[in-house]
Amino acid sequence: MKISYDPEIDALYIRLLEGKQECRSIRLSDEVALNIGPGEKLVGIEILDARSVLGSDKMPSIELEGLKSASSPLLVRDKPTKKYGA
């Protein structure tokens, strides 16, 4: 799973399946669309005007890649990324 947010256009995308997938989109509203791939699998969720839809306090400033499972709750804070070793 990969979550990415583009603050310039206020769009959030949650990719559930890796790799290129040929998809069709199902619009749930003007802001939310589901991307459906082969075998009717949900590939991703696109949220436009994300701060308004989700609330500005819920917008992550990080990207999560390769998260398979977690035994503890995951806390995401809206803080600048620290650069280590710089």
PDB file of N, CA and C in Angstrom:
ATOM      1  N   MET A   1       0.851  -1.169   0.000  1.00  0.00           N
ATOM      2  CA  MET A   1       0.000   0.000   0.000  1.00  0.00           C
ATOM      3  C   MET A   1       0.897   1.232   0.000  1.00  0.00           C
ATOM      4  N   LYS A   2       0.499   2.234  -0.763  1.00  0.00           N
ATOM      5  CA  LYS A   2       1.244   3.484  -0.834  1.00  0.00           C
ATOM      6  C   LYS A   2       0.244   4.631  -0.764  1.00  0.00           C
ATOM      7  N   ILE A   3       0.505   5.568   0.130  1.00  0.00           N
ATOM      8  CA  ILE A   3      -0.348   6.738   0.267  1.00  0.00           C
ATOM      9  C   ILE A   3       0.472   7.949  -0.156  1.00  0.00           C
ATOM     10  N   SER A   4      -0.047   8.719  -1.096  1.00  0.00           N
ATOM     11  CA  SER A   4       0.669   9.927  -1.499  1.00  0.00           C
ATOM     12  C   SER A   4      -0.292  11.107  -1.525  1.00  0.00           C
ATOM     13  N   TYR A   5       0.266  12.268  -1.204  1.00  0.00           N
ATOM     14  CA  TYR A   5      -0.527  13.489  -1.152  1.00  0.00           C
ATOM     15  C   TYR A   5       0.226  14.588  -1.890  1.00  0.00           C
ATOM     16  N   ASP A   6      -0.468  15.290  -2.759  1.00  0.00           N
ATOM     17  CA  ASP A   6       0.103  16.418  -3.486  1.00  0.00           C
ATOM     18  C   ASP A   6      -0.558  17.687  -2.957  1.00  0.00           C
ATOM     19  N   PRO A   7       0.164  18.461  -2.120  1.00  0.00           N
ATOM     20  CA  PRO A   7      -0.449  19.654  -1.531  1.00  0.00           C
ATOM     21  C   PRO A   7      -0.745  20.755  -2.543  1.00  0.00           C
ATOM     22  N   GLU A   8      -0.034  20.768  -3.672  1.00  0.00           N
ATOM     23  CA  GLU A   8      -0.266  21.814  -4.675  1.00  0.00           C
ATOM     24  C   GLU A   8      -1.658  21.715  -5.295  1.00  0.00           C
ATOM     25  N   ILE A   9      -2.136  20.484  -5.483  1.00  0.00           N
ATOM     26  CA  ILE A   9      -3.479  20.311  -6.053  1.00  0.00           C
ATOM     27  C   ILE A   9      -4.460  19.714  -5.045  1.00  0.00           C
ATOM     28  N   ASP A  10      -3.989  19.520  -3.794  1.00  0.00           N
ATOM     29  CA  ASP A  10      -4.816  18.996  -2.702  1.00  0.00           C
ATOM     30  C   ASP A  10      -5.475  17.671  -3.083  1.00  0.00           C
ATOM     31  N   ALA A  11      -4.638  16.730  -3.561  1.00  0.00           N
ATOM     32  CA  ALA A  11      -5.137  15.413  -3.976  1.00  0.00           C
ATOM     33  C   ALA A  11      -4.417  14.314  -3.203  1.00  0.00           C
ATOM     34  N   LEU A  12      -5.183  13.361  -2.708  1.00  0.00           N
ATOM     35  CA  LEU A  12      -4.655  12.211  -1.977  1.00  0.00           C
ATOM     36  C   LEU A  12      -4.925  10.966  -2.806  1.00  0.00           C
ATOM     37  N   TYR A  13      -3.925  10.089  -2.908  1.00  0.00           N
ATOM     38  CA  TYR A  13      -4.125   8.833  -3.630  1.00  0.00           C
ATOM     39  C   TYR A  13      -3.653   7.684  -2.756  1.00  0.00           C
ATOM     40  N   ILE A  14      -4.489   6.691  -2.602  1.00  0.00           N
ATOM     41  CA  ILE A  14      -4.154   5.480  -1.852  1.00  0.00           C
ATOM     42  C   ILE A  14      -4.059   4.353  -2.862  1.00  0.00           C
ATOM     43  N   ARG A  15      -2.837   3.880  -3.103  1.00  0.00           N
ATOM     44  CA  ARG A  15      -2.607   2.776  -4.050  1.00  0.00           C
ATOM     45  C   ARG A  15      -2.586   1.477  -3.246  1.00  0.00           C
ATOM     46  N   LEU A  16      -3.468   0.565  -3.591  1.00  0.00           N
ATOM     47  CA  LEU A  16      -3.590  -0.696  -2.871  1.00  0.00           C
ATOM     48  C   LEU A  16      -2.838  -1.833  -3.547  1.00  0.00           C
ATOM     49  N   LEU A  17      -2.673  -1.762  -4.871  1.00  0.00           N
ATOM     50  CA  LEU A  17      -1.947  -2.791  -5.616  1.00  0.00           C
ATOM     51  C   LEU A  17      -0.760  -2.155  -6.320  1.00  0.00           C
ATOM     52  N   GLU A  18       0.383  -2.834  -6.289  1.00  0.00           N
ATOM     53  CA  GLU A  18       1.585  -2.314  -6.937  1.00  0.00           C
ATOM     54  C   GLU A  18       1.594  -2.628  -8.423  1.00  0.00           C
ATOM     55  N   GLY A  19       2.436  -1.896  -9.146  1.00  0.00           N
ATOM     56  CA  GLY A  19       2.594  -2.128 -10.573  1.00  0.00           C
ATOM     57  C   GLY A  19       1.555  -1.387 -11.386  1.00  0.00           C
ATOM     58  N   LYS A  20       1.817  -1.332 -12.686  1.00  0.00           N
ATOM     59  CA  LYS A  20       0.869  -0.668 -13.587  1.00  0.00           C
ATOM     60  C   LYS A  20      -0.344  -1.557 -13.786  1.00  0.00           C
ATOM     61  N   GLN A  21      -1.485  -0.963 -13.664  1.00  0.00           N
ATOM     62  CA  GLN A  21      -2.750  -1.670 -13.838  1.00  0.00           C
ATOM     63  C   GLN A  21      -3.614  -0.863 -14.799  1.00  0.00           C
ATOM     64  N   GLU A  22      -4.237  -1.524 -15.735  1.00  0.00           N
ATOM     65  CA  GLU A  22      -5.226  -0.842 -16.560  1.00  0.00           C
ATOM     66  C   GLU A  22      -6.502  -0.777 -15.737  1.00  0.00           C
ATOM     67  N   CYS A  23      -6.984   0.430 -15.518  1.00  0.00           N
ATOM     68  CA  CYS A  23      -8.113   0.626 -14.605  1.00  0.00           C
ATOM     69  C   CYS A  23      -9.261   1.369 -15.267  1.00  0.00           C
ATOM     70  N   ARG A  24     -10.402   1.187 -14.659  1.00  0.00           N
ATOM     71  CA  ARG A  24     -11.552   2.025 -14.960  1.00  0.00           C
ATOM     72  C   ARG A  24     -11.902   2.737 -13.663  1.00  0.00           C
ATOM     73  N   SER A  25     -12.438   3.924 -13.773  1.00  0.00           N
ATOM     74  CA  SER A  25     -12.772   4.715 -12.589  1.00  0.00           C
ATOM     75  C   SER A  25     -14.267   4.705 -12.339  1.00  0.00           C
ATOM     76  N   ILE A  26     -14.600   4.617 -11.073  1.00  0.00           N
ATOM     77  CA  ILE A  26     -15.985   4.747 -10.631  1.00  0.00           C
ATOM     78  C   ILE A  26     -16.031   5.974  -9.732  1.00  0.00           C
ATOM     79  N   ARG A  27     -16.773   6.980 -10.145  1.00  0.00           N
ATOM     80  CA  ARG A  27     -16.907   8.211  -9.363  1.00  0.00           C
ATOM     81  C   ARG A  27     -17.973   8.013  -8.291  1.00  0.00           C
ATOM     82  N   LEU A  28     -17.565   8.189  -7.039  1.00  0.00           N
ATOM     83  CA  LEU A  28     -18.527   8.137  -5.942  1.00  0.00           C
ATOM     84  C   LEU A  28     -19.104   9.520  -5.671  1.00  0.00           C
ATOM     85  N   SER A  29     -18.312  10.542  -5.996  1.00  0.00           N
ATOM     86  CA  SER A  29     -18.740  11.938  -5.861  1.00  0.00           C
ATOM     87  C   SER A  29     -17.815  12.769  -6.741  1.00  0.00           C
ATOM     88  N   ASP A  30     -17.969  14.082  -6.707  1.00  0.00           N
ATOM     89  CA  ASP A  30     -17.062  14.943  -7.468  1.00  0.00           C
ATOM     90  C   ASP A  30     -15.632  14.821  -6.950  1.00  0.00           C
ATOM     91  N   GLU A  31     -15.472  14.469  -5.679  1.00  0.00           N
ATOM     92  CA  GLU A  31     -14.153  14.425  -5.060  1.00  0.00           C
ATOM     93  C   GLU A  31     -13.539  13.030  -4.973  1.00  0.00           C
ATOM     94  N   VAL A  32     -14.336  11.985  -4.961  1.00  0.00           N
ATOM     95  CA  VAL A  32     -13.825  10.634  -4.683  1.00  0.00           C
ATOM     96  C   VAL A  32     -14.067   9.699  -5.866  1.00  0.00           C
ATOM     97  N   ALA A  33     -12.988   8.985  -6.244  1.00  0.00           N
ATOM     98  CA  ALA A  33     -13.087   7.998  -7.329  1.00  0.00           C
ATOM     99  C   ALA A  33     -12.361   6.725  -6.919  1.00  0.00           C
ATOM    100  N   LEU A  34     -12.923   5.593  -7.311  1.00  0.00           N
ATOM    101  CA  LEU A  34     -12.284   4.294  -7.104  1.00  0.00           C
ATOM    102  C   LEU A  34     -11.692   3.845  -8.428  1.00  0.00           C
ATOM    103  N   ASN A  35     -10.475   3.345  -8.406  1.00  0.00           N
ATOM    104  CA  ASN A  35      -9.857   2.779  -9.601  1.00  0.00           C
ATOM    105  C   ASN A  35      -9.950   1.265  -9.499  1.00  0.00           C
ATOM    106  N   ILE A  36     -10.635   0.660 -10.451  1.00  0.00           N
ATOM    107  CA  ILE A  36     -10.889  -0.776 -10.464  1.00  0.00           C
ATOM    108  C   ILE A  36     -10.051  -1.403 -11.571  1.00  0.00           C
ATOM    109  N   GLY A  37      -9.296  -2.449 -11.213  1.00  0.00           N
ATOM    110  CA  GLY A  37      -8.418  -3.113 -12.167  1.00  0.00           C
ATOM    111  C   GLY A  37      -8.966  -4.447 -12.624  1.00  0.00           C
ATOM    112  N   PRO A  38      -8.094  -5.237 -13.273  1.00  0.00           N
ATOM    113  CA  PRO A  38      -8.496  -6.566 -13.749  1.00  0.00           C
ATOM    114  C   PRO A  38      -9.051  -7.424 -12.610  1.00  0.00           C
ATOM    115  N   GLY A  39     -10.047  -8.215 -12.930  1.00  0.00           N
ATOM    116  CA  GLY A  39     -10.664  -9.072 -11.921  1.00  0.00           C
ATOM    117  C   GLY A  39     -11.498  -8.304 -10.918  1.00  0.00           C
ATOM    118  N   GLU A  40     -11.864  -7.058 -11.283  1.00  0.00           N
ATOM    119  CA  GLU A  40     -12.680  -6.202 -10.412  1.00  0.00           C
ATOM    120  C   GLU A  40     -12.007  -5.934  -9.066  1.00  0.00           C
ATOM    121  N   LYS A  41     -10.668  -5.899  -9.047  1.00  0.00           N
ATOM    122  CA  LYS A  41      -9.933  -5.600  -7.813  1.00  0.00           C
ATOM    123  C   LYS A  41      -9.786  -4.096  -7.654  1.00  0.00           C
ATOM    124  N   LEU A  42      -9.927  -3.636  -6.424  1.00  0.00           N
ATOM    125  CA  LEU A  42      -9.741  -2.224  -6.116  1.00  0.00           C
ATOM    126  C   LEU A  42      -8.248  -1.925  -6.134  1.00  0.00           C
ATOM    127  N   VAL A  43      -7.823  -1.081  -7.065  1.00  0.00           N
ATOM    128  CA  VAL A  43      -6.411  -0.736  -7.236  1.00  0.00           C
ATOM    129  C   VAL A  43      -6.057   0.495  -6.413  1.00  0.00           C
ATOM    130  N   GLY A  44      -6.945   1.483  -6.389  1.00  0.00           N
ATOM    131  CA  GLY A  44      -6.641   2.708  -5.664  1.00  0.00           C
ATOM    132  C   GLY A  44      -7.858   3.570  -5.432  1.00  0.00           C
ATOM    133  N   ILE A  45      -7.661   4.550  -4.553  1.00  0.00           N
ATOM    134  CA  ILE A  45      -8.711   5.500  -4.210  1.00  0.00           C
ATOM    135  C   ILE A  45      -8.135   6.899  -4.377  1.00  0.00           C
ATOM    136  N   GLU A  46      -8.807   7.719  -5.168  1.00  0.00           N
ATOM    137  CA  GLU A  46      -8.373   9.096  -5.393  1.00  0.00           C
ATOM    138  C   GLU A  46      -9.334  10.033  -4.688  1.00  0.00           C
ATOM    139  N   ILE A  47      -8.771  10.972  -3.922  1.00  0.00           N
ATOM    140  CA  ILE A  47      -9.595  11.952  -3.221  1.00  0.00           C
ATOM    141  C   ILE A  47      -9.107  13.345  -3.603  1.00  0.00           C
ATOM    142  N   LEU A  48      -9.956  14.082  -4.317  1.00  0.00           N
ATOM    143  CA  LEU A  48      -9.665  15.461  -4.685  1.00  0.00           C
ATOM    144  C   LEU A  48     -10.228  16.387  -3.615  1.00  0.00           C
ATOM    145  N   ASP A  49      -9.654  17.577  -3.502  1.00  0.00           N
ATOM    146  CA  ASP A  49     -10.060  18.523  -2.459  1.00  0.00           C
ATOM    147  C   ASP A  49      -9.989  17.820  -1.098  1.00  0.00           C
ATOM    148  N   ALA A  50      -8.866  17.112  -0.899  1.00  0.00           N
ATOM    149  CA  ALA A  50      -8.703  16.195   0.231  1.00  0.00           C
ATOM    150  C   ALA A  50      -8.827  16.865   1.592  1.00  0.00           C
ATOM    151  N   ARG A  51      -8.285  18.051   1.750  1.00  0.00           N
ATOM    152  CA  ARG A  51      -8.369  18.722   3.059  1.00  0.00           C
ATOM    153  C   ARG A  51      -9.821  18.988   3.450  1.00  0.00           C
ATOM    154  N   SER A  52     -10.630  19.311   2.483  1.00  0.00           N
ATOM    155  CA  SER A  52     -12.041  19.561   2.748  1.00  0.00           C
ATOM    156  C   SER A  52     -12.785  18.251   3.030  1.00  0.00           C
ATOM    157  N   VAL A  53     -12.496  17.221   2.225  1.00  0.00           N
ATOM    158  CA  VAL A  53     -13.190  15.937   2.363  1.00  0.00           C
ATOM    159  C   VAL A  53     -12.809  15.229   3.664  1.00  0.00           C
ATOM    160  N   LEU A  54     -11.502  15.180   3.969  1.00  0.00           N
ATOM    161  CA  LEU A  54     -11.020  14.422   5.124  1.00  0.00           C
ATOM    162  C   LEU A  54     -10.818  15.263   6.371  1.00  0.00           C
ATOM    163  N   GLY A  55     -10.720  16.559   6.216  1.00  0.00           N
ATOM    164  CA  GLY A  55     -10.384  17.433   7.333  1.00  0.00           C
ATOM    165  C   GLY A  55      -8.888  17.694   7.318  1.00  0.00           C
ATOM    166  N   SER A  56      -8.486  18.925   7.487  1.00  0.00           N
ATOM    167  CA  SER A  56      -7.076  19.295   7.342  1.00  0.00           C
ATOM    168  C   SER A  56      -6.177  18.620   8.365  1.00  0.00           C
ATOM    169  N   ASP A  57      -6.706  18.193   9.500  1.00  0.00           N
ATOM    170  CA  ASP A  57      -5.871  17.543  10.515  1.00  0.00           C
ATOM    171  C   ASP A  57      -5.571  16.082  10.178  1.00  0.00           C
ATOM    172  N   LYS A  58      -6.135  15.545   9.098  1.00  0.00           N
ATOM    173  CA  LYS A  58      -5.924  14.145   8.745  1.00  0.00           C
ATOM    174  C   LYS A  58      -4.966  13.958   7.570  1.00  0.00           C
ATOM    175  N   MET A  59      -4.333  15.021   7.085  1.00  0.00           N
ATOM    176  CA  MET A  59      -3.493  14.930   5.905  1.00  0.00           C
ATOM    177  C   MET A  59      -2.061  14.562   6.280  1.00  0.00           C
ATOM    178  N   PRO A  60      -1.585  13.404   5.841  1.00  0.00           N
ATOM    179  CA  PRO A  60      -0.208  13.012   6.149  1.00  0.00           C
ATOM    180  C   PRO A  60       0.787  13.794   5.312  1.00  0.00           C
ATOM    181  N   SER A  61       1.958  14.046   5.887  1.00  0.00           N
ATOM    182  CA  SER A  61       3.016  14.702   5.129  1.00  0.00           C
ATOM    183  C   SER A  61       4.120  13.703   4.810  1.00  0.00           C
ATOM    184  N   ILE A  62       3.806  12.413   4.921  1.00  0.00           N
ATOM    185  CA  ILE A  62       4.771  11.365   4.624  1.00  0.00           C
ATOM    186  C   ILE A  62       4.168  10.399   3.618  1.00  0.00           C
ATOM    187  N   GLU A  63       5.021   9.559   3.072  1.00  0.00           N
ATOM    188  CA  GLU A  63       4.576   8.528   2.137  1.00  0.00           C
ATOM    189  C   GLU A  63       4.918   7.181   2.755  1.00  0.00           C
ATOM    190  N   LEU A  64       3.956   6.296   2.835  1.00  0.00           N
ATOM    191  CA  LEU A  64       4.167   4.965   3.384  1.00  0.00           C
ATOM    192  C   LEU A  64       4.313   3.988   2.237  1.00  0.00           C
ATOM    193  N   GLU A  65       5.410   3.238   2.238  1.00  0.00           N
ATOM    194  CA  GLU A  65       5.614   2.244   1.194  1.00  0.00           C
ATOM    195  C   GLU A  65       5.950   0.911   1.848  1.00  0.00           C
ATOM    196  N   GLY A  66       5.417  -0.148   1.318  1.00  0.00           N
ATOM    197  CA  GLY A  66       5.766  -1.494   1.770  1.00  0.00           C
ATOM    198  C   GLY A  66       5.221  -1.859   3.135  1.00  0.00           C
ATOM    199  N   LEU A  67       4.195  -1.194   3.596  1.00  0.00           N
ATOM    200  CA  LEU A  67       3.601  -1.517   4.883  1.00  0.00           C
ATOM    201  C   LEU A  67       2.753  -2.770   4.721  1.00  0.00           C
ATOM    202  N   LYS A  68       3.210  -3.868   5.303  1.00  0.00           N
ATOM    203  CA  LYS A  68       2.496  -5.141   5.178  1.00  0.00           C
ATOM    204  C   LYS A  68       1.514  -5.318   6.339  1.00  0.00           C
ATOM    205  N   SER A  69       2.011  -5.098   7.551  1.00  0.00           N
ATOM    206  CA  SER A  69       1.152  -5.216   8.718  1.00  0.00           C
ATOM    207  C   SER A  69       1.795  -4.453   9.865  1.00  0.00           C
ATOM    208  N   ALA A  70       1.011  -4.157  10.848  1.00  0.00           N
ATOM    209  CA  ALA A  70       1.525  -3.453  12.019  1.00  0.00           C
ATOM    210  C   ALA A  70       0.875  -4.047  13.255  1.00  0.00           C
ATOM    211  N   SER A  71       1.699  -4.301  14.280  1.00  0.00           N
ATOM    212  CA  SER A  71       1.151  -4.843  15.515  1.00  0.00           C
ATOM    213  C   SER A  71       0.784  -3.720  16.482  1.00  0.00           C
ATOM    214  N   SER A  72       1.255  -2.520  16.210  1.00  0.00           N
ATOM    215  CA  SER A  72       0.942  -1.357  17.029  1.00  0.00           C
ATOM    216  C   SER A  72       0.205  -0.337  16.174  1.00  0.00           C
ATOM    217  N   PRO A  73      -0.558   0.528  16.804  1.00  0.00           N
ATOM    218  CA  PRO A  73      -1.217   1.577  16.024  1.00  0.00           C
ATOM    219  C   PRO A  73      -0.182   2.459  15.333  1.00  0.00           C
ATOM    220  N   LEU A  74      -0.497   2.942  14.167  1.00  0.00           N
ATOM    221  CA  LEU A  74       0.391   3.801  13.399  1.00  0.00           C
ATOM    222  C   LEU A  74      -0.054   5.240  13.595  1.00  0.00           C
ATOM    223  N   LEU A  75       0.871   6.078  14.031  1.00  0.00           N
ATOM    224  CA  LEU A  75       0.570   7.482  14.267  1.00  0.00           C
ATOM    225  C   LEU A  75       1.240   8.310  13.189  1.00  0.00           C
ATOM    226  N   VAL A  76       0.473   9.107  12.482  1.00  0.00           N
ATOM    227  CA  VAL A  76       1.006   9.984  11.439  1.00  0.00           C
ATOM    228  C   VAL A  76       0.800  11.413  11.904  1.00  0.00           C
ATOM    229  N   ARG A  77       1.905  12.158  11.978  1.00  0.00           N
ATOM    230  CA  ARG A  77       1.830  13.552  12.408  1.00  0.00           C
ATOM    231  C   ARG A  77       2.143  14.465  11.244  1.00  0.00           C
ATOM    232  N   ASP A  78       1.507  15.592  11.212  1.00  0.00           N
ATOM    233  CA  ASP A  78       1.719  16.567  10.146  1.00  0.00           C
ATOM    234  C   ASP A  78       2.861  17.495  10.554  1.00  0.00           C
ATOM    235  N   LYS A  79       4.099  16.992  10.426  1.00  0.00           N
ATOM    236  CA  LYS A  79       5.291  17.757  10.755  1.00  0.00           C
ATOM    237  C   LYS A  79       6.267  17.648   9.606  1.00  0.00           C
ATOM    238  N   PRO A  80       7.173  18.614   9.483  1.00  0.00           N
ATOM    239  CA  PRO A  80       8.183  18.514   8.426  1.00  0.00           C
ATOM    240  C   PRO A  80       9.045  17.273   8.612  1.00  0.00           C
ATOM    241  N   THR A  81       9.482  16.697   7.506  1.00  0.00           N
ATOM    242  CA  THR A  81      10.346  15.530   7.542  1.00  0.00           C
ATOM    243  C   THR A  81      11.735  15.938   7.997  1.00  0.00           C
ATOM    244  N   LYS A  82      12.315  15.182   8.944  1.00  0.00           N
ATOM    245  CA  LYS A  82      13.676  15.445   9.398  1.00  0.00           C
ATOM    246  C   LYS A  82      14.651  14.816   8.425  1.00  0.00           C
ATOM    247  N   LYS A  83      15.727  15.509   8.161  1.00  0.00           N
ATOM    248  CA  LYS A  83      16.772  14.985   7.287  1.00  0.00           C
ATOM    249  C   LYS A  83      17.921  14.536   8.176  1.00  0.00           C
ATOM    250  N   TYR A  84      18.183  13.243   8.199  1.00  0.00           N
ATOM    251  CA  TYR A  84      19.264  12.697   8.996  1.00  0.00           C
ATOM    252  C   TYR A  84      20.536  12.638   8.180  1.00  0.00           C
ATOM    253  N   GLY A  85      21.669  12.931   8.810  1.00  0.00           N
ATOM    254  CA  GLY A  85      22.957  12.842   8.143  1.00  0.00           C
ATOM    255  C   GLY A  85      23.219  13.984   7.185  1.00  0.00           C
ATOM    256  N   ALA A  86      22.393  15.003   7.229  1.00  0.00           N
ATOM    257  CA  ALA A  86      22.588  16.130   6.298  1.00  0.00           C
ATOM    258  C   ALA A  86      23.428  17.207   6.942  1.00  0.00           C
TER     259      ALA A  86
END
